[in-house]
Amino acid sequence: MANKYIFNGKEYRSEKALRQAIFENTRKAFGPVVDLAEYGVEVVEVIPVAPSLDVLKSQKMVELEERFAEYRQSSNTFIESSLGFRVNANVTAFDNVSGLVAQLQYRQENGEANPTIGFMSFDDALVVLSLSDLKKLQVEISENGSKAYAQKWAVRTAIENAKNKEALNEISITFG
């Protein structure tokens, strides 16, 4: 429990601030043990109020947004590709694969037959991929993002529908 102090009609939340105010007013300094009533101080015990369910829901929503952003940005977010290896599946990976698709499309449009390009897997293994392979990866990474959004929306709905603190605390926020 915390205390608040009232001295000369002003409220103080810390004893340090109170002691400074007393000194400035009386020019008296005192040690750690003192009867504050002698200085006209009223000590009021402050009983902390538990946050409302709406406040707790808001806090849980902030946690949801933070965890979702972490998952979408994390270099540890990966999927098992249908091509037989693990692939980063964060926002950066999608951008990178999209760039590689654009490169191979350009090369193909400019006369190169069946162009390929080196690609680094999640496990740092170099694999050579075709345009078709890259498009497949692009879709798989995009599907992982869509799955993460669906998980986020389901958790958001659960938070909104929580009827009490216990139900809210039971909601787990994980992605992947």
C-alpha atoms as a PDB file:
ATOM      1  CA  MET A   1       0.000   0.000   0.000  1.00  0.00           C
ATOM      2  CA  ALA A   2       1.161   3.499  -0.741  1.00  0.00           C
ATOM      3  CA  ASN A   3       0.604   6.694   1.146  1.00  0.00           C
ATOM      4  CA  LYS A   4      -0.154  10.171   0.057  1.00  0.00           C
ATOM      5  CA  TYR A   5       0.623  13.133   2.233  1.00  0.00           C
ATOM      6  CA  ILE A   6      -1.297  16.392   2.606  1.00  0.00           C
ATOM      7  CA  PHE A   7       0.682  19.380   3.860  1.00  0.00           C
ATOM      8  CA  ASN A   8      -0.460  23.009   3.722  1.00  0.00           C
ATOM      9  CA  GLY A   9      -3.339  22.015   1.438  1.00  0.00           C
ATOM     10  CA  LYS A  10      -1.087  20.329  -1.137  1.00  0.00           C
ATOM     11  CA  GLU A  11      -0.906  16.624  -1.938  1.00  0.00           C
ATOM     12  CA  TYR A  12       2.426  14.790  -2.129  1.00  0.00           C
ATOM     13  CA  ARG A  13       2.883  11.239  -3.426  1.00  0.00           C
ATOM     14  CA  SER A  14       6.391  10.662  -2.061  1.00  0.00           C
ATOM     15  CA  GLU A  15       7.913  11.225   1.354  1.00  0.00           C
ATOM     16  CA  LYS A  16      10.917  12.843  -0.292  1.00  0.00           C
ATOM     17  CA  ALA A  17       8.744  15.512  -1.925  1.00  0.00           C
ATOM     18  CA  LEU A  18       6.904  16.012   1.362  1.00  0.00           C
ATOM     19  CA  ARG A  19      10.138  16.457   3.352  1.00  0.00           C
ATOM     20  CA  GLN A  20      11.371  18.983   0.805  1.00  0.00           C
ATOM     21  CA  ALA A  21       8.112  20.944   1.117  1.00  0.00           C
ATOM     22  CA  ILE A  22       8.329  20.913   4.921  1.00  0.00           C
ATOM     23  CA  PHE A  23      11.932  22.127   4.779  1.00  0.00           C
ATOM     24  CA  GLU A  24      11.087  24.906   2.332  1.00  0.00           C
ATOM     25  CA  ASN A  25       8.166  25.960   4.538  1.00  0.00           C
ATOM     26  CA  THR A  26       9.742  25.620   8.024  1.00  0.00           C
ATOM     27  CA  ARG A  27      13.478  25.506   7.270  1.00  0.00           C
ATOM     28  CA  LYS A  28      13.620  22.417   9.479  1.00  0.00           C
ATOM     29  CA  ALA A  29      15.326  19.246   8.339  1.00  0.00           C
ATOM     30  CA  PHE A  30      14.682  16.011  10.185  1.00  0.00           C
ATOM     31  CA  GLY A  31      15.890  12.441  10.249  1.00  0.00           C
ATOM     32  CA  PRO A  32      14.122   9.327   9.024  1.00  0.00           C
ATOM     33  CA  VAL A  33      11.872   8.886  12.076  1.00  0.00           C
ATOM     34  CA  VAL A  34       9.574  11.785  12.754  1.00  0.00           C
ATOM     35  CA  ASP A  35       5.963  12.337  13.771  1.00  0.00           C
ATOM     36  CA  LEU A  36       4.622  14.003  10.638  1.00  0.00           C
ATOM     37  CA  ALA A  37       1.516  15.144  12.505  1.00  0.00           C
ATOM     38  CA  GLU A  38       3.745  17.607  14.405  1.00  0.00           C
ATOM     39  CA  TYR A  39       4.174  19.433  11.103  1.00  0.00           C
ATOM     40  CA  GLY A  40       0.479  19.355  10.276  1.00  0.00           C
ATOM     41  CA  VAL A  41       0.817  16.533   7.780  1.00  0.00           C
ATOM     42  CA  GLU A  42      -2.142  14.276   7.118  1.00  0.00           C
ATOM     43  CA  VAL A  43      -1.125  10.767   6.012  1.00  0.00           C
ATOM     44  CA  VAL A  44      -3.688   9.046   3.809  1.00  0.00           C
ATOM     45  CA  GLU A  45      -3.351   5.358   2.927  1.00  0.00           C
ATOM     46  CA  VAL A  46      -3.962   4.825  -0.761  1.00  0.00           C
ATOM     47  CA  ILE A  47      -5.489   1.488  -1.628  1.00  0.00           C
ATOM     48  CA  PRO A  48      -4.654   0.599  -5.229  1.00  0.00           C
ATOM     49  CA  VAL A  49      -7.688   0.142  -7.432  1.00  0.00           C
ATOM     50  CA  ALA A  50      -7.706  -2.883  -9.691  1.00  0.00           C
ATOM     51  CA  PRO A  51      -7.925  -1.863 -13.336  1.00  0.00           C
ATOM     52  CA  SER A  52     -11.302  -2.298 -14.977  1.00  0.00           C
ATOM     53  CA  LEU A  53     -11.959  -5.067 -17.483  1.00  0.00           C
ATOM     54  CA  ASP A  54     -11.926  -2.478 -20.269  1.00  0.00           C
ATOM     55  CA  VAL A  55      -8.461  -1.278 -19.217  1.00  0.00           C
ATOM     56  CA  LEU A  56      -7.200  -4.865 -19.038  1.00  0.00           C
ATOM     57  CA  LYS A  57      -8.641  -5.553 -22.496  1.00  0.00           C
ATOM     58  CA  SER A  58      -6.872  -2.480 -23.869  1.00  0.00           C
ATOM     59  CA  GLN A  59      -3.601  -3.668 -22.368  1.00  0.00           C
ATOM     60  CA  LYS A  60      -4.123  -7.132 -23.887  1.00  0.00           C
ATOM     61  CA  MET A  61      -4.811  -5.528 -27.289  1.00  0.00           C
ATOM     62  CA  VAL A  62      -1.515  -3.635 -27.071  1.00  0.00           C
ATOM     63  CA  GLU A  63       0.246  -6.905 -26.227  1.00  0.00           C
ATOM     64  CA  LEU A  64      -1.453  -8.543 -29.231  1.00  0.00           C
ATOM     65  CA  GLU A  65      -0.248  -5.798 -31.585  1.00  0.00           C
ATOM     66  CA  GLU A  66       3.301  -5.994 -30.199  1.00  0.00           C
ATOM     67  CA  ARG A  67       3.508  -9.786 -30.479  1.00  0.00           C
ATOM     68  CA  PHE A  68       2.053  -9.747 -33.979  1.00  0.00           C
ATOM     69  CA  ALA A  69       4.577  -7.142 -35.138  1.00  0.00           C
ATOM     70  CA  GLU A  70       7.402  -9.136 -33.544  1.00  0.00           C
ATOM     71  CA  TYR A  71       6.305 -12.305 -35.349  1.00  0.00           C
ATOM     72  CA  ARG A  72       5.943 -10.596 -38.733  1.00  0.00           C
ATOM     73  CA  GLN A  73       9.367  -8.912 -38.417  1.00  0.00           C
ATOM     74  CA  SER A  74      11.334 -11.696 -36.701  1.00  0.00           C
ATOM     75  CA  SER A  75      14.218 -13.328 -38.535  1.00  0.00           C
ATOM     76  CA  ASN A  76      13.181 -16.530 -36.718  1.00  0.00           C
ATOM     77  CA  THR A  77       9.817 -16.725 -38.488  1.00  0.00           C
ATOM     78  CA  PHE A  78       9.966 -19.556 -41.019  1.00  0.00           C
ATOM     79  CA  ILE A  79       7.874 -22.139 -42.838  1.00  0.00           C
ATOM     80  CA  GLU A  80       8.539 -25.569 -44.276  1.00  0.00           C
ATOM     81  CA  SER A  81       8.320 -24.978 -48.007  1.00  0.00           C
ATOM     82  CA  SER A  82       6.734 -27.509 -50.320  1.00  0.00           C
ATOM     83  CA  LEU A  83      10.072 -27.289 -52.200  1.00  0.00           C
ATOM     84  CA  GLY A  84      11.660 -29.334 -49.419  1.00  0.00           C
ATOM     85  CA  PHE A  85      13.499 -26.776 -47.274  1.00  0.00           C
ATOM     86  CA  ARG A  86      12.787 -24.176 -44.605  1.00  0.00           C
ATOM     87  CA  VAL A  87      12.319 -20.559 -45.684  1.00  0.00           C
ATOM     88  CA  ASN A  88      12.166 -17.293 -43.787  1.00  0.00           C
ATOM     89  CA  ALA A  89       8.540 -16.163 -43.746  1.00  0.00           C
ATOM     90  CA  ASN A  90       8.636 -12.633 -42.366  1.00  0.00           C
ATOM     91  CA  VAL A  91       7.827  -9.388 -44.191  1.00  0.00           C
ATOM     92  CA  THR A  92      11.434  -8.979 -45.331  1.00  0.00           C
ATOM     93  CA  ALA A  93      11.473 -12.476 -46.823  1.00  0.00           C
ATOM     94  CA  PHE A  94       8.333 -11.724 -48.821  1.00  0.00           C
ATOM     95  CA  ASP A  95       9.918  -8.533 -50.155  1.00  0.00           C
ATOM     96  CA  ASN A  96      13.137 -10.379 -51.021  1.00  0.00           C
ATOM     97  CA  VAL A  97      11.353 -13.182 -52.863  1.00  0.00           C
ATOM     98  CA  SER A  98       9.206 -10.638 -54.714  1.00  0.00           C
ATOM     99  CA  GLY A  99      12.402  -8.927 -55.844  1.00  0.00           C
ATOM    100  CA  LEU A 100      13.845 -12.206 -57.094  1.00  0.00           C
ATOM    101  CA  VAL A 101      10.618 -12.951 -58.974  1.00  0.00           C
ATOM    102  CA  ALA A 102      10.881  -9.546 -60.662  1.00  0.00           C
ATOM    103  CA  GLN A 103      14.503 -10.236 -61.627  1.00  0.00           C
ATOM    104  CA  LEU A 104      13.758 -13.602 -63.220  1.00  0.00           C
ATOM    105  CA  GLN A 105      10.658 -12.249 -64.972  1.00  0.00           C
ATOM    106  CA  TYR A 106      12.758  -9.450 -66.457  1.00  0.00           C
ATOM    107  CA  ARG A 107      15.456 -11.874 -67.567  1.00  0.00           C
ATOM    108  CA  GLN A 108      12.859 -14.176 -69.099  1.00  0.00           C
ATOM    109  CA  GLU A 109      11.103 -11.284 -70.894  1.00  0.00           C
ATOM    110  CA  ASN A 110      14.466 -10.288 -72.344  1.00  0.00           C
ATOM    111  CA  GLY A 111      15.106 -13.626 -73.964  1.00  0.00           C
ATOM    112  CA  GLU A 112      16.764 -15.774 -71.307  1.00  0.00           C
ATOM    113  CA  ALA A 113      15.219 -19.229 -71.396  1.00  0.00           C
ATOM    114  CA  ASN A 114      14.479 -20.809 -68.018  1.00  0.00           C
ATOM    115  CA  PRO A 115      16.464 -18.383 -65.845  1.00  0.00           C
ATOM    116  CA  THR A 116      17.464 -19.460 -62.332  1.00  0.00           C
ATOM    117  CA  ILE A 117      18.895 -17.667 -59.340  1.00  0.00           C
ATOM    118  CA  GLY A 118      20.639 -18.590 -56.108  1.00  0.00           C
ATOM    119  CA  PHE A 119      18.500 -18.419 -52.960  1.00  0.00           C
ATOM    120  CA  MET A 120      19.557 -18.787 -49.326  1.00  0.00           C
ATOM    121  CA  SER A 121      17.255 -20.983 -47.247  1.00  0.00           C
ATOM    122  CA  PHE A 122      16.387 -20.367 -43.594  1.00  0.00           C
ATOM    123  CA  ASP A 123      19.149 -22.839 -42.697  1.00  0.00           C
ATOM    124  CA  ASP A 124      21.711 -20.958 -44.821  1.00  0.00           C
ATOM    125  CA  ALA A 125      21.809 -23.542 -47.580  1.00  0.00           C
ATOM    126  CA  LEU A 126      22.174 -22.165 -51.088  1.00  0.00           C
ATOM    127  CA  VAL A 127      19.555 -23.522 -53.481  1.00  0.00           C
ATOM    128  CA  VAL A 128      19.061 -22.669 -57.137  1.00  0.00           C
ATOM    129  CA  LEU A 129      15.475 -21.757 -57.967  1.00  0.00           C
ATOM    130  CA  SER A 130      13.470 -21.166 -61.100  1.00  0.00           C
ATOM    131  CA  LEU A 131      10.812 -18.513 -61.599  1.00  0.00           C
ATOM    132  CA  SER A 132       8.144 -21.120 -60.915  1.00  0.00           C
ATOM    133  CA  ASP A 133       9.881 -22.105 -57.641  1.00  0.00           C
ATOM    134  CA  LEU A 134      10.095 -18.489 -56.520  1.00  0.00           C
ATOM    135  CA  LYS A 135       6.432 -17.853 -57.296  1.00  0.00           C
ATOM    136  CA  LYS A 136       5.545 -20.915 -55.226  1.00  0.00           C
ATOM    137  CA  LEU A 137       7.656 -19.562 -52.313  1.00  0.00           C
ATOM    138  CA  GLN A 138       6.036 -16.168 -52.696  1.00  0.00           C
ATOM    139  CA  VAL A 139       2.572 -17.714 -52.331  1.00  0.00           C
ATOM    140  CA  GLU A 140       3.635 -19.883 -49.370  1.00  0.00           C
ATOM    141  CA  ILE A 141       5.121 -16.902 -47.512  1.00  0.00           C
ATOM    142  CA  SER A 142       2.008 -14.862 -48.294  1.00  0.00           C
ATOM    143  CA  GLU A 143      -0.198 -17.695 -47.003  1.00  0.00           C
ATOM    144  CA  ASN A 144       1.813 -17.726 -43.762  1.00  0.00           C
ATOM    145  CA  GLY A 145       1.147 -13.994 -43.391  1.00  0.00           C
ATOM    146  CA  SER A 146      -2.560 -14.545 -43.995  1.00  0.00           C
ATOM    147  CA  LYS A 147      -2.563 -17.325 -41.401  1.00  0.00           C
ATOM    148  CA  ALA A 148      -0.913 -14.994 -38.886  1.00  0.00           C
ATOM    149  CA  TYR A 149      -3.555 -12.330 -39.557  1.00  0.00           C
ATOM    150  CA  ALA A 150      -6.323 -14.906 -39.044  1.00  0.00           C
ATOM    151  CA  GLN A 151      -4.734 -15.885 -35.703  1.00  0.00           C
ATOM    152  CA  LYS A 152      -4.513 -12.209 -34.731  1.00  0.00           C
ATOM    153  CA  TRP A 153      -8.170 -11.599 -35.567  1.00  0.00           C
ATOM    154  CA  ALA A 154      -9.259 -14.688 -33.604  1.00  0.00           C
ATOM    155  CA  VAL A 155      -7.311 -13.509 -30.549  1.00  0.00           C
ATOM    156  CA  ARG A 156      -8.703  -9.986 -30.939  1.00  0.00           C
ATOM    157  CA  THR A 157     -12.235 -11.405 -30.971  1.00  0.00           C
ATOM    158  CA  ALA A 158     -11.493 -13.515 -27.882  1.00  0.00           C
ATOM    159  CA  ILE A 159     -10.199 -10.420 -26.066  1.00  0.00           C
ATOM    160  CA  GLU A 160     -13.261  -8.401 -27.046  1.00  0.00           C
ATOM    161  CA  ASN A 161     -15.573 -11.206 -25.882  1.00  0.00           C
ATOM    162  CA  ALA A 162     -13.832 -11.917 -22.561  1.00  0.00           C
ATOM    163  CA  LYS A 163     -16.420 -11.577 -19.798  1.00  0.00           C
ATOM    164  CA  ASN A 164     -14.008 -11.266 -16.861  1.00  0.00           C
ATOM    165  CA  LYS A 165     -10.347 -10.950 -15.866  1.00  0.00           C
ATOM    166  CA  GLU A 166      -9.897 -14.717 -15.562  1.00  0.00           C
ATOM    167  CA  ALA A 167     -11.168 -15.343 -19.093  1.00  0.00           C
ATOM    168  CA  LEU A 168      -8.906 -12.566 -20.376  1.00  0.00           C
ATOM    169  CA  ASN A 169      -5.857 -14.037 -18.609  1.00  0.00           C
ATOM    170  CA  GLU A 170      -6.512 -17.422 -20.235  1.00  0.00           C
ATOM    171  CA  ILE A 171      -6.063 -15.944 -23.717  1.00  0.00           C
ATOM    172  CA  SER A 172      -2.690 -16.960 -25.133  1.00  0.00           C
ATOM    173  CA  ILE A 173      -1.037 -14.783 -27.755  1.00  0.00           C
ATOM    174  CA  THR A 174       1.206 -16.884 -29.993  1.00  0.00           C
ATOM    175  CA  PHE A 175       1.807 -17.016 -33.707  1.00  0.00           C
ATOM    176  CA  GLY A 176       3.214 -19.624 -36.034  1.00  0.00           C
END
